[in-house]
Amino acid sequence: MEYIIQERLAEAKRLRRSLLVTVADVCYRAGFPNTSYSPKLFKQYQGVTPDLYKRPYCAGVARKAARMALRLASVLLPRPAARSQHDNLPA
């Protein structure tokens, strides 16, 4: 029985890292029959709730997405024209 729980928890951890999978989906896909019991079991074995387990992965994905957006913007957006010394002279 312990082996089955460990395997289901390993699958639950893998699925929980996804941004789009809810706790109920994780329970169902990992093979837990009861969606209210599995988060308690997760916390018992991992020391944190499924939501707290997911947070570092969400933060990492958000940082990666922000970096990619900056790179994309630097490629797609035109750069401002260089200013010369004469641009600041009075007319």
PDB file of N, CA and C in Angstrom:
ATOM      1  N   MET A   1       0.822  -1.202   0.000  1.00  0.00           N
ATOM      2  CA  MET A   1       0.000   0.000   0.000  1.00  0.00           C
ATOM      3  C   MET A   1       0.864   1.263   0.000  1.00  0.00           C
ATOM      4  N   GLU A   2       1.944   1.239   0.748  1.00  0.00           N
ATOM      5  CA  GLU A   2       2.843   2.398   0.834  1.00  0.00           C
ATOM      6  C   GLU A   2       3.439   2.728  -0.541  1.00  0.00           C
ATOM      7  N   TYR A   3       3.783   1.687  -1.298  1.00  0.00           N
ATOM      8  CA  TYR A   3       4.350   1.892  -2.642  1.00  0.00           C
ATOM      9  C   TYR A   3       3.344   2.614  -3.552  1.00  0.00           C
ATOM     10  N   ILE A   4       2.093   2.211  -3.481  1.00  0.00           N
ATOM     11  CA  ILE A   4       1.059   2.831  -4.318  1.00  0.00           C
ATOM     12  C   ILE A   4       0.902   4.307  -3.957  1.00  0.00           C
ATOM     13  N   ILE A   5       0.899   4.605  -2.675  1.00  0.00           N
ATOM     14  CA  ILE A   5       0.781   6.005  -2.234  1.00  0.00           C
ATOM     15  C   ILE A   5       1.964   6.818  -2.740  1.00  0.00           C
ATOM     16  N   GLN A   6       3.163   6.264  -2.619  1.00  0.00           N
ATOM     17  CA  GLN A   6       4.362   6.975  -3.079  1.00  0.00           C
ATOM     18  C   GLN A   6       4.307   7.236  -4.580  1.00  0.00           C
ATOM     19  N   GLU A   7       3.869   6.266  -5.354  1.00  0.00           N
ATOM     20  CA  GLU A   7       3.754   6.437  -6.806  1.00  0.00           C
ATOM     21  C   GLU A   7       2.701   7.481  -7.157  1.00  0.00           C
ATOM     22  N   ARG A   8       1.585   7.449  -6.472  1.00  0.00           N
ATOM     23  CA  ARG A   8       0.531   8.432  -6.731  1.00  0.00           C
ATOM     24  C   ARG A   8       0.986   9.835  -6.348  1.00  0.00           C
ATOM     25  N   LEU A   9       1.716   9.943  -5.249  1.00  0.00           N
ATOM     26  CA  LEU A   9       2.229  11.258  -4.842  1.00  0.00           C
ATOM     27  C   LEU A   9       3.277  11.770  -5.824  1.00  0.00           C
ATOM     28  N   ALA A  10       4.102  10.886  -6.347  1.00  0.00           N
ATOM     29  CA  ALA A  10       5.094  11.305  -7.347  1.00  0.00           C
ATOM     30  C   ALA A  10       4.391  11.853  -8.596  1.00  0.00           C
ATOM     31  N   GLU A  11       3.328  11.177  -9.004  1.00  0.00           N
ATOM     32  CA  GLU A  11       2.560  11.658 -10.159  1.00  0.00           C
ATOM     33  C   GLU A  11       1.855  12.968  -9.822  1.00  0.00           C
ATOM     34  N   ALA A  12       1.341  13.076  -8.613  1.00  0.00           N
ATOM     35  CA  ALA A  12       0.669  14.312  -8.191  1.00  0.00           C
ATOM     36  C   ALA A  12       1.652  15.480  -8.188  1.00  0.00           C
ATOM     37  N   LYS A  13       2.870  15.268  -7.723  1.00  0.00           N
ATOM     38  CA  LYS A  13       3.883  16.343  -7.730  1.00  0.00           C
ATOM     39  C   LYS A  13       4.201  16.768  -9.154  1.00  0.00           C
ATOM     40  N   ARG A  14       4.349  15.800 -10.035  1.00  0.00           N
ATOM     41  CA  ARG A  14       4.652  16.127 -11.432  1.00  0.00           C
ATOM     42  C   ARG A  14       3.512  16.936 -12.050  1.00  0.00           C
ATOM     43  N   LEU A  15       2.291  16.505 -11.818  1.00  0.00           N
ATOM     44  CA  LEU A  15       1.140  17.209 -12.381  1.00  0.00           C
ATOM     45  C   LEU A  15       0.941  18.580 -11.746  1.00  0.00           C
ATOM     46  N   ARG A  16       1.253  18.714 -10.486  1.00  0.00           N
ATOM     47  CA  ARG A  16       1.006  19.975  -9.771  1.00  0.00           C
ATOM     48  C   ARG A  16       1.908  21.094 -10.267  1.00  0.00           C
ATOM     49  N   ARG A  17       3.008  20.737 -10.873  1.00  0.00           N
ATOM     50  CA  ARG A  17       3.911  21.763 -11.410  1.00  0.00           C
ATOM     51  C   ARG A  17       3.314  22.475 -12.611  1.00  0.00           C
ATOM     52  N   SER A  18       2.316  21.883 -13.221  1.00  0.00           N
ATOM     53  CA  SER A  18       1.656  22.502 -14.365  1.00  0.00           C
ATOM     54  C   SER A  18       0.802  23.666 -13.900  1.00  0.00           C
ATOM     55  N   LEU A  19       0.760  24.711 -14.681  1.00  0.00           N
ATOM     56  CA  LEU A  19      -0.026  25.880 -14.322  1.00  0.00           C
ATOM     57  C   LEU A  19      -1.513  25.673 -14.549  1.00  0.00           C
ATOM     58  N   LEU A  20      -1.873  24.759 -15.408  1.00  0.00           N
ATOM     59  CA  LEU A  20      -3.263  24.628 -15.819  1.00  0.00           C
ATOM     60  C   LEU A  20      -4.025  23.511 -15.115  1.00  0.00           C
ATOM     61  N   VAL A  21      -3.377  22.740 -14.283  1.00  0.00           N
ATOM     62  CA  VAL A  21      -4.016  21.591 -13.656  1.00  0.00           C
ATOM     63  C   VAL A  21      -4.463  21.958 -12.244  1.00  0.00           C
ATOM     64  N   THR A  22      -5.738  21.751 -11.958  1.00  0.00           N
ATOM     65  CA  THR A  22      -6.274  22.051 -10.631  1.00  0.00           C
ATOM     66  C   THR A  22      -5.980  20.896  -9.676  1.00  0.00           C
ATOM     67  N   VAL A  23      -6.190  21.148  -8.382  1.00  0.00           N
ATOM     68  CA  VAL A  23      -5.972  20.100  -7.387  1.00  0.00           C
ATOM     69  C   VAL A  23      -6.915  18.926  -7.650  1.00  0.00           C
ATOM     70  N   ALA A  24      -8.150  19.211  -8.002  1.00  0.00           N
ATOM     71  CA  ALA A  24      -9.099  18.128  -8.292  1.00  0.00           C
ATOM     72  C   ALA A  24      -8.640  17.295  -9.487  1.00  0.00           C
ATOM     73  N   ASP A  25      -8.126  17.949 -10.534  1.00  0.00           N
ATOM     74  CA  ASP A  25      -7.601  17.216 -11.695  1.00  0.00           C
ATOM     75  C   ASP A  25      -6.405  16.358 -11.303  1.00  0.00           C
ATOM     76  N   VAL A  26      -5.547  16.907 -10.478  1.00  0.00           N
ATOM     77  CA  VAL A  26      -4.371  16.157 -10.021  1.00  0.00           C
ATOM     78  C   VAL A  26      -4.816  14.901  -9.273  1.00  0.00           C
ATOM     79  N   CYS A  27      -5.781  15.053  -8.379  1.00  0.00           N
ATOM     80  CA  CYS A  27      -6.284  13.908  -7.616  1.00  0.00           C
ATOM     81  C   CYS A  27      -6.806  12.819  -8.553  1.00  0.00           C
ATOM     82  N   TYR A  28      -7.600  13.236  -9.499  1.00  0.00           N
ATOM     83  CA  TYR A  28      -8.195  12.283 -10.440  1.00  0.00           C
ATOM     84  C   TYR A  28      -7.120  11.599 -11.289  1.00  0.00           C
ATOM     85  N   ARG A  29      -6.238  12.382 -11.867  1.00  0.00           N
ATOM     86  CA  ARG A  29      -5.215  11.821 -12.765  1.00  0.00           C
ATOM     87  C   ARG A  29      -4.184  10.977 -12.036  1.00  0.00           C
ATOM     88  N   ALA A  30      -3.884  11.313 -10.793  1.00  0.00           N
ATOM     89  CA  ALA A  30      -2.894  10.544 -10.025  1.00  0.00           C
ATOM     90  C   ALA A  30      -3.499   9.276  -9.426  1.00  0.00           C
ATOM     91  N   GLY A  31      -4.816   9.154  -9.492  1.00  0.00           N
ATOM     92  CA  GLY A  31      -5.445   7.930  -9.030  1.00  0.00           C
ATOM     93  C   GLY A  31      -5.979   7.966  -7.613  1.00  0.00           C
ATOM     94  N   PHE A  32      -6.085   9.145  -7.027  1.00  0.00           N
ATOM     95  CA  PHE A  32      -6.667   9.251  -5.691  1.00  0.00           C
ATOM     96  C   PHE A  32      -8.188   9.233  -5.816  1.00  0.00           C
ATOM     97  N   PRO A  33      -8.855   8.370  -5.051  1.00  0.00           N
ATOM     98  CA  PRO A  33     -10.303   8.271  -5.187  1.00  0.00           C
ATOM     99  C   PRO A  33     -11.072   9.415  -4.537  1.00  0.00           C
ATOM    100  N   ASN A  34     -10.457  10.123  -3.611  1.00  0.00           N
ATOM    101  CA  ASN A  34     -11.168  11.144  -2.852  1.00  0.00           C
ATOM    102  C   ASN A  34     -10.413  12.468  -2.963  1.00  0.00           C
ATOM    103  N   THR A  35     -11.059  13.481  -3.520  1.00  0.00           N
ATOM    104  CA  THR A  35     -10.368  14.759  -3.729  1.00  0.00           C
ATOM    105  C   THR A  35     -10.173  15.551  -2.448  1.00  0.00           C
ATOM    106  N   SER A  36     -10.891  15.231  -1.396  1.00  0.00           N
ATOM    107  CA  SER A  36     -10.682  15.965  -0.138  1.00  0.00           C
ATOM    108  C   SER A  36      -9.591  15.317   0.709  1.00  0.00           C
ATOM    109  N   TYR A  37      -9.364  14.031   0.523  1.00  0.00           N
ATOM    110  CA  TYR A  37      -8.356  13.337   1.316  1.00  0.00           C
ATOM    111  C   TYR A  37      -6.948  13.498   0.739  1.00  0.00           C
ATOM    112  N   SER A  38      -6.837  13.545  -0.567  1.00  0.00           N
ATOM    113  CA  SER A  38      -5.500  13.563  -1.171  1.00  0.00           C
ATOM    114  C   SER A  38      -4.679  14.802  -0.812  1.00  0.00           C
ATOM    115  N   PRO A  39      -5.242  16.022  -0.715  1.00  0.00           N
ATOM    116  CA  PRO A  39      -4.402  17.138  -0.266  1.00  0.00           C
ATOM    117  C   PRO A  39      -3.860  16.939   1.156  1.00  0.00           C
ATOM    118  N   LYS A  40      -4.662  16.307   2.013  1.00  0.00           N
ATOM    119  CA  LYS A  40      -4.184  16.004   3.367  1.00  0.00           C
ATOM    120  C   LYS A  40      -3.038  15.001   3.320  1.00  0.00           C
ATOM    121  N   LEU A  41      -3.171  13.999   2.469  1.00  0.00           N
ATOM    122  CA  LEU A  41      -2.124  13.000   2.295  1.00  0.00           C
ATOM    123  C   LEU A  41      -0.875  13.643   1.700  1.00  0.00           C
ATOM    124  N   PHE A  42      -1.064  14.539   0.749  1.00  0.00           N
ATOM    125  CA  PHE A  42       0.049  15.260   0.131  1.00  0.00           C
ATOM    126  C   PHE A  42       0.826  16.032   1.189  1.00  0.00           C
ATOM    127  N   LYS A  43       0.107  16.741   2.045  1.00  0.00           N
ATOM    128  CA  LYS A  43       0.764  17.520   3.092  1.00  0.00           C
ATOM    129  C   LYS A  43       1.469  16.612   4.091  1.00  0.00           C
ATOM    130  N   GLN A  44       0.861  15.483   4.409  1.00  0.00           N
ATOM    131  CA  GLN A  44       1.462  14.545   5.356  1.00  0.00           C
ATOM    132  C   GLN A  44       2.804  14.042   4.842  1.00  0.00           C
ATOM    133  N   TYR A  45       2.905  13.738   3.551  1.00  0.00           N
ATOM    134  CA  TYR A  45       4.131  13.182   2.989  1.00  0.00           C
ATOM    135  C   TYR A  45       5.122  14.250   2.524  1.00  0.00           C
ATOM    136  N   GLN A  46       4.629  15.389   2.046  1.00  0.00           N
ATOM    137  CA  GLN A  46       5.513  16.418   1.494  1.00  0.00           C
ATOM    138  C   GLN A  46       5.809  17.548   2.467  1.00  0.00           C
ATOM    139  N   GLY A  47       4.963  17.712   3.473  1.00  0.00           N
ATOM    140  CA  GLY A  47       5.184  18.778   4.445  1.00  0.00           C
ATOM    141  C   GLY A  47       4.557  20.103   4.062  1.00  0.00           C
ATOM    142  N   VAL A  48       3.985  20.193   2.878  1.00  0.00           N
ATOM    143  CA  VAL A  48       3.305  21.403   2.415  1.00  0.00           C
ATOM    144  C   VAL A  48       2.044  21.002   1.669  1.00  0.00           C
ATOM    145  N   THR A  49       1.115  21.942   1.562  1.00  0.00           N
ATOM    146  CA  THR A  49      -0.103  21.675   0.795  1.00  0.00           C
ATOM    147  C   THR A  49       0.218  21.689  -0.701  1.00  0.00           C
ATOM    148  N   PRO A  50      -0.656  21.132  -1.531  1.00  0.00           N
ATOM    149  CA  PRO A  50      -0.416  21.168  -2.976  1.00  0.00           C
ATOM    150  C   PRO A  50      -0.261  22.588  -3.521  1.00  0.00           C
ATOM    151  N   ASP A  51      -1.023  23.539  -2.977  1.00  0.00           N
ATOM    152  CA  ASP A  51      -0.909  24.927  -3.447  1.00  0.00           C
ATOM    153  C   ASP A  51       0.453  25.523  -3.113  1.00  0.00           C
ATOM    154  N   LEU A  52       0.938  25.290  -1.897  1.00  0.00           N
ATOM    155  CA  LEU A  52       2.263  25.805  -1.532  1.00  0.00           C
ATOM    156  C   LEU A  52       3.362  25.115  -2.326  1.00  0.00           C
ATOM    157  N   TYR A  53       3.158  23.850  -2.663  1.00  0.00           N
ATOM    158  CA  TYR A  53       4.134  23.125  -3.474  1.00  0.00           C
ATOM    159  C   TYR A  53       4.240  23.741  -4.862  1.00  0.00           C
ATOM    160  N   LYS A  54       3.124  24.226  -5.378  1.00  0.00           N
ATOM    161  CA  LYS A  54       3.078  24.760  -6.737  1.00  0.00           C
ATOM    162  C   LYS A  54       3.696  26.156  -6.860  1.00  0.00           C
ATOM    163  N   ARG A  55       3.665  26.963  -5.826  1.00  0.00           N
ATOM    164  CA  ARG A  55       4.079  28.369  -5.907  1.00  0.00           C
ATOM    165  C   ARG A  55       5.468  28.601  -6.491  1.00  0.00           C
ATOM    166  N   PRO A  56       6.501  27.884  -6.040  1.00  0.00           N
ATOM    167  CA  PRO A  56       7.819  28.150  -6.652  1.00  0.00           C
ATOM    168  C   PRO A  56       7.848  27.902  -8.155  1.00  0.00           C
ATOM    169  N   TYR A  57       7.099  26.928  -8.624  1.00  0.00           N
ATOM    170  CA  TYR A  57       7.068  26.647 -10.060  1.00  0.00           C
ATOM    171  C   TYR A  57       6.356  27.751 -10.815  1.00  0.00           C
ATOM    172  N   CYS A  58       5.275  28.267 -10.237  1.00  0.00           N
ATOM    173  CA  CYS A  58       4.550  29.378 -10.870  1.00  0.00           C
ATOM    174  C   CYS A  58       5.432  30.616 -10.946  1.00  0.00           C
ATOM    175  N   ALA A  59       6.152  30.904  -9.875  1.00  0.00           N
ATOM    176  CA  ALA A  59       7.031  32.073  -9.864  1.00  0.00           C
ATOM    177  C   ALA A  59       8.131  31.917 -10.910  1.00  0.00           C
ATOM    178  N   GLY A  60       8.687  30.725 -11.027  1.00  0.00           N
ATOM    179  CA  GLY A  60       9.726  30.479 -12.018  1.00  0.00           C
ATOM    180  C   GLY A  60       9.211  30.635 -13.434  1.00  0.00           C
ATOM    181  N   VAL A  61       8.019  30.159 -13.687  1.00  0.00           N
ATOM    182  CA  VAL A  61       7.420  30.278 -15.010  1.00  0.00           C
ATOM    183  C   VAL A  61       7.125  31.742 -15.319  1.00  0.00           C
ATOM    184  N   ALA A  62       6.646  32.480 -14.333  1.00  0.00           N
ATOM    185  CA  ALA A  62       6.354  33.905 -14.545  1.00  0.00           C
ATOM    186  C   ALA A  62       7.632  34.681 -14.866  1.00  0.00           C
ATOM    187  N   ARG A  63       8.712  34.392 -14.156  1.00  0.00           N
ATOM    188  CA  ARG A  63       9.990  35.067 -14.446  1.00  0.00           C
ATOM    189  C   ARG A  63      10.470  34.729 -15.857  1.00  0.00           C
ATOM    190  N   LYS A  64      10.356  33.471 -16.226  1.00  0.00           N
ATOM    191  CA  LYS A  64      10.795  33.045 -17.557  1.00  0.00           C
ATOM    192  C   LYS A  64       9.957  33.730 -18.635  1.00  0.00           C
ATOM    193  N   ALA A  65       8.656  33.826 -18.424  1.00  0.00           N
ATOM    194  CA  ALA A  65       7.774  34.482 -19.396  1.00  0.00           C
ATOM    195  C   ALA A  65       8.110  35.963 -19.526  1.00  0.00           C
ATOM    196  N   ALA A  66       8.433  36.609 -18.410  1.00  0.00           N
ATOM    197  CA  ALA A  66       8.790  38.029 -18.459  1.00  0.00           C
ATOM    198  C   ALA A  66      10.091  38.228 -19.237  1.00  0.00           C
ATOM    199  N   ARG A  67      11.067  37.371 -19.010  1.00  0.00           N
ATOM    200  CA  ARG A  67      12.333  37.472 -19.753  1.00  0.00           C
ATOM    201  C   ARG A  67      12.103  37.272 -21.249  1.00  0.00           C
ATOM    202  N   MET A  68      11.262  36.295 -21.592  1.00  0.00           N
ATOM    203  CA  MET A  68      10.983  36.038 -23.007  1.00  0.00           C
ATOM    204  C   MET A  68      10.256  37.217 -23.639  1.00  0.00           C
ATOM    205  N   ALA A  69       9.337  37.840 -22.908  1.00  0.00           N
ATOM    206  CA  ALA A  69       8.613  39.003 -23.431  1.00  0.00           C
ATOM    207  C   ALA A  69       9.566  40.168 -23.679  1.00  0.00           C
ATOM    208  N   LEU A  70      10.520  40.382 -22.781  1.00  0.00           N
ATOM    209  CA  LEU A  70      11.501  41.459 -22.975  1.00  0.00           C
ATOM    210  C   LEU A  70      12.372  41.197 -24.191  1.00  0.00           C
ATOM    211  N   ARG A  71      12.802  39.945 -24.351  1.00  0.00           N
ATOM    212  CA  ARG A  71      13.620  39.615 -25.525  1.00  0.00           C
ATOM    213  C   ARG A  71      12.824  39.818 -26.817  1.00  0.00           C
ATOM    214  N   LEU A  72      11.596  39.378 -26.808  1.00  0.00           N
ATOM    215  CA  LEU A  72      10.755  39.521 -27.984  1.00  0.00           C
ATOM    216  C   LEU A  72      10.510  40.996 -28.305  1.00  0.00           C
ATOM    217  N   ALA A  73      10.255  41.791 -27.293  1.00  0.00           N
ATOM    218  CA  ALA A  73      10.024  43.226 -27.498  1.00  0.00           C
ATOM    219  C   ALA A  73      11.278  43.897 -28.050  1.00  0.00           C
ATOM    220  N   SER A  74      12.445  43.489 -27.577  1.00  0.00           N
ATOM    221  CA  SER A  74      13.678  44.119 -28.062  1.00  0.00           C
ATOM    222  C   SER A  74      13.936  43.774 -29.526  1.00  0.00           C
ATOM    223  N   VAL A  75      13.426  42.653 -29.985  1.00  0.00           N
ATOM    224  CA  VAL A  75      13.605  42.254 -31.381  1.00  0.00           C
ATOM    225  C   VAL A  75      12.552  42.913 -32.269  1.00  0.00           C
ATOM    226  N   LEU A  76      11.316  42.974 -31.798  1.00  0.00           N
ATOM    227  CA  LEU A  76      10.218  43.439 -32.649  1.00  0.00           C
ATOM    228  C   LEU A  76      10.026  44.952 -32.654  1.00  0.00           C
ATOM    229  N   LEU A  77      10.279  45.613 -31.546  1.00  0.00           N
ATOM    230  CA  LEU A  77      10.034  47.049 -31.467  1.00  0.00           C
ATOM    231  C   LEU A  77      11.203  47.826 -32.054  1.00  0.00           C
ATOM    232  N   PRO A  78      10.921  48.894 -32.806  1.00  0.00           N
ATOM    233  CA  PRO A  78      12.009  49.687 -33.374  1.00  0.00           C
ATOM    234  C   PRO A  78      12.748  50.438 -32.264  1.00  0.00           C
ATOM    235  N   ARG A  79      14.016  50.561 -32.442  1.00  0.00           N
ATOM    236  CA  ARG A  79      14.820  51.309 -31.467  1.00  0.00           C
ATOM    237  C   ARG A  79      14.702  52.799 -31.764  1.00  0.00           C
ATOM    238  N   PRO A  80      14.741  53.634 -30.726  1.00  0.00           N
ATOM    239  CA  PRO A  80      14.672  55.083 -30.968  1.00  0.00           C
ATOM    240  C   PRO A  80      15.920  55.542 -31.729  1.00  0.00           C
ATOM    241  N   ALA A  81      15.735  56.560 -32.564  1.00  0.00           N
ATOM    242  CA  ALA A  81      16.850  57.091 -33.346  1.00  0.00           C
ATOM    243  C   ALA A  81      17.871  57.727 -32.412  1.00  0.00           C
ATOM    244  N   ALA A  82      19.113  57.607 -32.764  1.00  0.00           N
ATOM    245  CA  ALA A  82      20.179  58.197 -31.954  1.00  0.00           C
ATOM    246  C   ALA A  82      20.112  59.714 -32.058  1.00  0.00           C
ATOM    247  N   ARG A  83      20.315  60.373 -30.953  1.00  0.00           N
ATOM    248  CA  ARG A  83      20.277  61.839 -30.932  1.00  0.00           C
ATOM    249  C   ARG A  83      21.678  62.381 -31.153  1.00  0.00           C
ATOM    250  N   SER A  84      21.737  63.449 -31.872  1.00  0.00           N
ATOM    251  CA  SER A  84      23.043  64.065 -32.113  1.00  0.00           C
ATOM    252  C   SER A  84      23.230  65.234 -31.158  1.00  0.00           C
ATOM    253  N   GLN A  85      24.434  65.808 -31.154  1.00  0.00           N
ATOM    254  CA  GLN A  85      24.738  66.952 -30.290  1.00  0.00           C
ATOM    255  C   GLN A  85      23.923  68.177 -30.706  1.00  0.00           C
ATOM    256  N   HIS A  86      23.549  68.271 -31.973  1.00  0.00           N
ATOM    257  CA  HIS A  86      22.870  69.445 -32.493  1.00  0.00           C
ATOM    258  C   HIS A  86      21.373  69.457 -32.149  1.00  0.00           C
ATOM    259  N   ASP A  87      20.835  68.352 -31.642  1.00  0.00           N
ATOM    260  CA  ASP A  87      19.409  68.297 -31.310  1.00  0.00           C
ATOM    261  C   ASP A  87      19.068  69.195 -30.135  1.00  0.00           C
ATOM    262  N   ASN A  88      20.034  69.502 -29.271  1.00  0.00           N
ATOM    263  CA  ASN A  88      19.771  70.299 -28.074  1.00  0.00           C
ATOM    264  C   ASN A  88      20.036  71.781 -28.254  1.00  0.00           C
ATOM    265  N   LEU A  89      20.494  72.200 -29.424  1.00  0.00           N
ATOM    266  CA  LEU A  89      20.796  73.613 -29.654  1.00  0.00           C
ATOM    267  C   LEU A  89      19.513  74.403 -29.880  1.00  0.00           C
ATOM    268  N   PRO A  90      19.455  75.649 -29.358  1.00  0.00           N
ATOM    269  CA  PRO A  90      18.255  76.477 -29.597  1.00  0.00           C
ATOM    270  C   PRO A  90      18.160  76.858 -31.078  1.00  0.00           C
ATOM    271  N   ALA A  91      16.965  77.077 -31.536  1.00  0.00           N
ATOM    272  CA  ALA A  91      16.733  77.385 -32.955  1.00  0.00           C
ATOM    273  C   ALA A  91      17.010  78.818 -33.276  1.00  0.00           C
TER     274      ALA A  91
END
